[in-house]
Amino acid sequence: MPYPTAREQAYAAIKYVAEYAMEFNVDPCRPVAAGDSTGGNMTVAVTCCQGMQRPGHCISRRL
């Protein structure tokens, strides 16, 4: 998978959950991104990059 496809897919998943928060029964004002191993790296990459490049979808916590 060529770079940055994985990061873009991870961001798309976070954006999807934020947009359909009520259907998932989650608070759209407090999104949290979490991951382990590669998922942890993706969490950092997505939250850091999206904050600089895509304002509007703010991640409130990282695990």
Protein backbone atom coordinates (compact mmCIF):
# COMPACT_ATOMS: atom_id res chain seq x y z
CA MET A 1 0.00 0.00 0.00
CA PRO A 2 1.64 3.27 -1.08
CA TYR A 3 2.14 6.09 1.41
CA PRO A 4 -0.05 7.86 2.62
CA THR A 5 -2.95 5.49 1.81
CA ALA A 6 -3.10 3.91 5.28
CA ARG A 7 -3.10 7.31 6.98
CA GLU A 8 -5.84 8.56 4.67
CA GLN A 9 -7.96 5.46 5.35
CA ALA A 10 -7.50 5.88 9.11
CA TYR A 11 -8.53 9.54 8.85
CA ALA A 12 -11.57 8.58 6.76
CA ALA A 13 -12.64 6.13 9.48
CA ILE A 14 -12.35 8.79 12.20
CA LYS A 15 -14.24 11.29 10.05
CA TYR A 16 -16.99 8.72 9.35
CA VAL A 17 -17.50 7.98 13.04
CA ALA A 18 -17.58 11.72 13.82
CA GLU A 19 -20.17 12.37 11.12
CA TYR A 20 -22.40 9.48 12.24
CA ALA A 21 -21.76 9.82 15.98
CA MET A 22 -25.42 9.65 16.92
CA GLU A 23 -25.84 6.33 15.12
CA PHE A 24 -22.85 4.93 17.05
CA ASN A 25 -24.19 6.43 20.30
CA VAL A 26 -20.98 8.38 20.96
CA ASP A 27 -20.32 12.00 21.88
CA PRO A 28 -19.25 13.83 18.69
CA CYS A 29 -17.54 16.53 20.78
CA ARG A 30 -15.07 14.13 22.43
CA PRO A 31 -13.56 11.78 19.85
CA VAL A 32 -10.73 9.52 20.99
CA ALA A 33 -8.19 7.76 18.76
CA ALA A 34 -6.44 4.65 20.06
CA GLY A 35 -4.18 1.98 18.68
CA ASP A 36 -1.57 -0.63 19.49
CA SER A 37 1.66 -1.26 17.57
CA THR A 38 1.04 -0.09 14.01
CA GLY A 39 -2.35 1.23 15.08
CA GLY A 40 -0.60 3.39 17.68
CA ASN A 41 1.64 4.84 15.00
CA MET A 42 -1.38 5.50 12.81
CA THR A 43 -3.14 7.20 15.73
CA VAL A 44 -0.26 9.64 16.14
CA ALA A 45 0.11 10.20 12.39
CA VAL A 46 -3.58 10.85 11.85
CA THR A 47 -4.10 13.08 14.87
CA CYS A 48 -0.96 15.15 14.26
CA CYS A 49 -1.44 15.53 10.51
CA GLN A 50 -5.16 16.13 10.58
CA GLY A 51 -4.74 18.91 13.11
CA MET A 52 -2.37 20.76 10.81
CA GLN A 53 -3.98 19.99 7.47
CA ARG A 54 -7.69 19.51 8.19
CA PRO A 55 -9.18 21.77 10.84
CA GLY A 56 -12.66 20.91 12.00
CA HIS A 57 -12.31 17.32 13.20
CA CYS A 58 -10.45 17.60 16.46
CA ILE A 59 -9.35 14.48 18.35
CA SER A 60 -9.72 15.13 22.06
CA ARG A 61 -7.61 12.21 23.32
CA ARG A 62 -5.03 9.70 22.12
CA LEU A 63 -4.36 6.36 23.76
